[in-house]
């Protein structure tokens, strides 16, 4: 069964994780997104902060930046772990 989505559903594999990404226009909000930041695309957890700021979870060192610094390419609607 596929998750609900509103745009084009893409599957991105990273190790044993398969991310189902809804490639559509989204407003900045809390959640896991496919983003572009400083020319690099990655899947990151975002937190919306006061003052039109976003916190990007980079692991040990989170990064706070302006909402306009980040391009949201899609929202992660499901994550499946696959064991081989």
C-alpha atoms as a PDB file:
ATOM      1  CA  UNK A   1       0.000   0.000   0.000  1.00  0.00           C
ATOM      2  CA  UNK A   2       1.416   3.374  -1.004  1.00  0.00           C
ATOM      3  CA  UNK A   3       1.333   6.393   1.331  1.00  0.00           C
ATOM      4  CA  UNK A   4      -0.839   9.405   0.512  1.00  0.00           C
ATOM      5  CA  UNK A   5       0.810  12.009  -1.697  1.00  0.00           C
ATOM      6  CA  UNK A   6      -0.195  15.019  -3.786  1.00  0.00           C
ATOM      7  CA  UNK A   7       2.596  15.323  -6.387  1.00  0.00           C
ATOM      8  CA  UNK A   8       4.996  12.818  -7.912  1.00  0.00           C
ATOM      9  CA  UNK A   9       6.126   9.994  -5.640  1.00  0.00           C
ATOM     10  CA  UNK A  10       9.857   9.200  -5.835  1.00  0.00           C
ATOM     11  CA  UNK A  11      11.787   6.524  -3.968  1.00  0.00           C
ATOM     12  CA  UNK A  12      15.257   7.460  -2.747  1.00  0.00           C
ATOM     13  CA  UNK A  13      17.487   4.698  -1.367  1.00  0.00           C
ATOM     14  CA  UNK A  14      20.135   5.440   1.243  1.00  0.00           C
ATOM     15  CA  UNK A  15      21.731   2.278   2.593  1.00  0.00           C
ATOM     16  CA  UNK A  16      18.950   0.103   3.984  1.00  0.00           C
ATOM     17  CA  UNK A  17      16.431   2.969   4.106  1.00  0.00           C
ATOM     18  CA  UNK A  18      13.995   3.694   1.297  1.00  0.00           C
ATOM     19  CA  UNK A  19      12.479   7.172   1.474  1.00  0.00           C
ATOM     20  CA  UNK A  20       9.172   7.768  -0.302  1.00  0.00           C
ATOM     21  CA  UNK A  21       9.290  11.456  -1.232  1.00  0.00           C
ATOM     22  CA  UNK A  22       6.266  13.433  -2.424  1.00  0.00           C
ATOM     23  CA  UNK A  23       7.805  15.848  -4.938  1.00  0.00           C
ATOM     24  CA  UNK A  24       5.384  18.754  -4.703  1.00  0.00           C
ATOM     25  CA  UNK A  25       5.304  22.323  -3.441  1.00  0.00           C
ATOM     26  CA  UNK A  26       5.273  22.501   0.350  1.00  0.00           C
ATOM     27  CA  UNK A  27       5.426  25.341   2.851  1.00  0.00           C
ATOM     28  CA  UNK A  28       8.253  25.318   5.383  1.00  0.00           C
ATOM     29  CA  UNK A  29       7.131  23.366   8.428  1.00  0.00           C
ATOM     30  CA  UNK A  30       8.368  20.707  10.848  1.00  0.00           C
ATOM     31  CA  UNK A  31       9.101  17.331   9.291  1.00  0.00           C
ATOM     32  CA  UNK A  32      11.467  15.324   7.121  1.00  0.00           C
ATOM     33  CA  UNK A  33      12.097  16.806   3.669  1.00  0.00           C
ATOM     34  CA  UNK A  34      14.228  16.407   0.579  1.00  0.00           C
ATOM     35  CA  UNK A  35      16.015  19.761   0.507  1.00  0.00           C
ATOM     36  CA  UNK A  36      18.623  21.655  -1.421  1.00  0.00           C
ATOM     37  CA  UNK A  37      20.998  23.736   0.686  1.00  0.00           C
ATOM     38  CA  UNK A  38      24.256  25.266  -0.550  1.00  0.00           C
ATOM     39  CA  UNK A  39      24.004  23.304  -3.791  1.00  0.00           C
ATOM     40  CA  UNK A  40      23.681  19.912  -2.070  1.00  0.00           C
ATOM     41  CA  UNK A  41      20.530  17.773  -2.016  1.00  0.00           C
ATOM     42  CA  UNK A  42      19.787  15.671   1.058  1.00  0.00           C
ATOM     43  CA  UNK A  43      17.006  14.343   3.238  1.00  0.00           C
ATOM     44  CA  UNK A  44      16.923  16.177   6.554  1.00  0.00           C
ATOM     45  CA  UNK A  45      14.635  16.760   9.525  1.00  0.00           C
ATOM     46  CA  UNK A  46      13.516  20.415   9.633  1.00  0.00           C
ATOM     47  CA  UNK A  47      12.104  22.456  12.497  1.00  0.00           C
ATOM     48  CA  UNK A  48      10.394  25.798  11.886  1.00  0.00           C
ATOM     49  CA  UNK A  49      11.661  28.434  14.327  1.00  0.00           C
ATOM     50  CA  UNK A  50      10.359  31.910  15.198  1.00  0.00           C
ATOM     51  CA  UNK A  51      11.611  34.749  13.015  1.00  0.00           C
ATOM     52  CA  UNK A  52      11.196  32.908   9.686  1.00  0.00           C
ATOM     53  CA  UNK A  53      14.084  30.545  10.493  1.00  0.00           C
ATOM     54  CA  UNK A  54      14.609  26.825   9.941  1.00  0.00           C
ATOM     55  CA  UNK A  55      16.721  24.405  11.957  1.00  0.00           C
ATOM     56  CA  UNK A  56      18.281  21.681   9.803  1.00  0.00           C
ATOM     57  CA  UNK A  57      19.228  18.522  11.693  1.00  0.00           C
ATOM     58  CA  UNK A  58      22.785  17.719  10.579  1.00  0.00           C
ATOM     59  CA  UNK A  59      23.256  15.234  13.405  1.00  0.00           C
ATOM     60  CA  UNK A  60      25.620  16.418  16.114  1.00  0.00           C
ATOM     61  CA  UNK A  61      25.599  20.029  14.872  1.00  0.00           C
ATOM     62  CA  UNK A  62      22.181  21.412  13.838  1.00  0.00           C
ATOM     63  CA  UNK A  63      22.162  24.451  11.580  1.00  0.00           C
ATOM     64  CA  UNK A  64      19.823  27.459  11.884  1.00  0.00           C
ATOM     65  CA  UNK A  65      19.222  29.471   8.708  1.00  0.00           C
ATOM     66  CA  UNK A  66      16.635  31.643   6.975  1.00  0.00           C
ATOM     67  CA  UNK A  67      13.704  29.875   5.342  1.00  0.00           C
ATOM     68  CA  UNK A  68      14.771  31.439   2.021  1.00  0.00           C
ATOM     69  CA  UNK A  69      18.179  29.688   2.223  1.00  0.00           C
ATOM     70  CA  UNK A  70      16.565  26.249   1.825  1.00  0.00           C
ATOM     71  CA  UNK A  71      14.722  24.888  -1.212  1.00  0.00           C
ATOM     72  CA  UNK A  72      12.126  22.267  -0.324  1.00  0.00           C
ATOM     73  CA  UNK A  73      12.119  19.697  -3.122  1.00  0.00           C
ATOM     74  CA  UNK A  74       9.658  17.283  -1.514  1.00  0.00           C
ATOM     75  CA  UNK A  75       8.281  15.888   1.737  1.00  0.00           C
ATOM     76  CA  UNK A  76       9.132  12.425   3.020  1.00  0.00           C
ATOM     77  CA  UNK A  77       5.797  10.624   3.386  1.00  0.00           C
ATOM     78  CA  UNK A  78       7.168   7.187   4.381  1.00  0.00           C
ATOM     79  CA  UNK A  79      10.424   5.476   5.285  1.00  0.00           C
ATOM     80  CA  UNK A  80      10.931   1.739   4.862  1.00  0.00           C
ATOM     81  CA  UNK A  81      13.916  -0.164   6.216  1.00  0.00           C
ATOM     82  CA  UNK A  82      14.959  -3.074   4.014  1.00  0.00           C
ATOM     83  CA  UNK A  83      17.164  -5.863   5.281  1.00  0.00           C
ATOM     84  CA  UNK A  84      19.052  -7.979   2.823  1.00  0.00           C
END
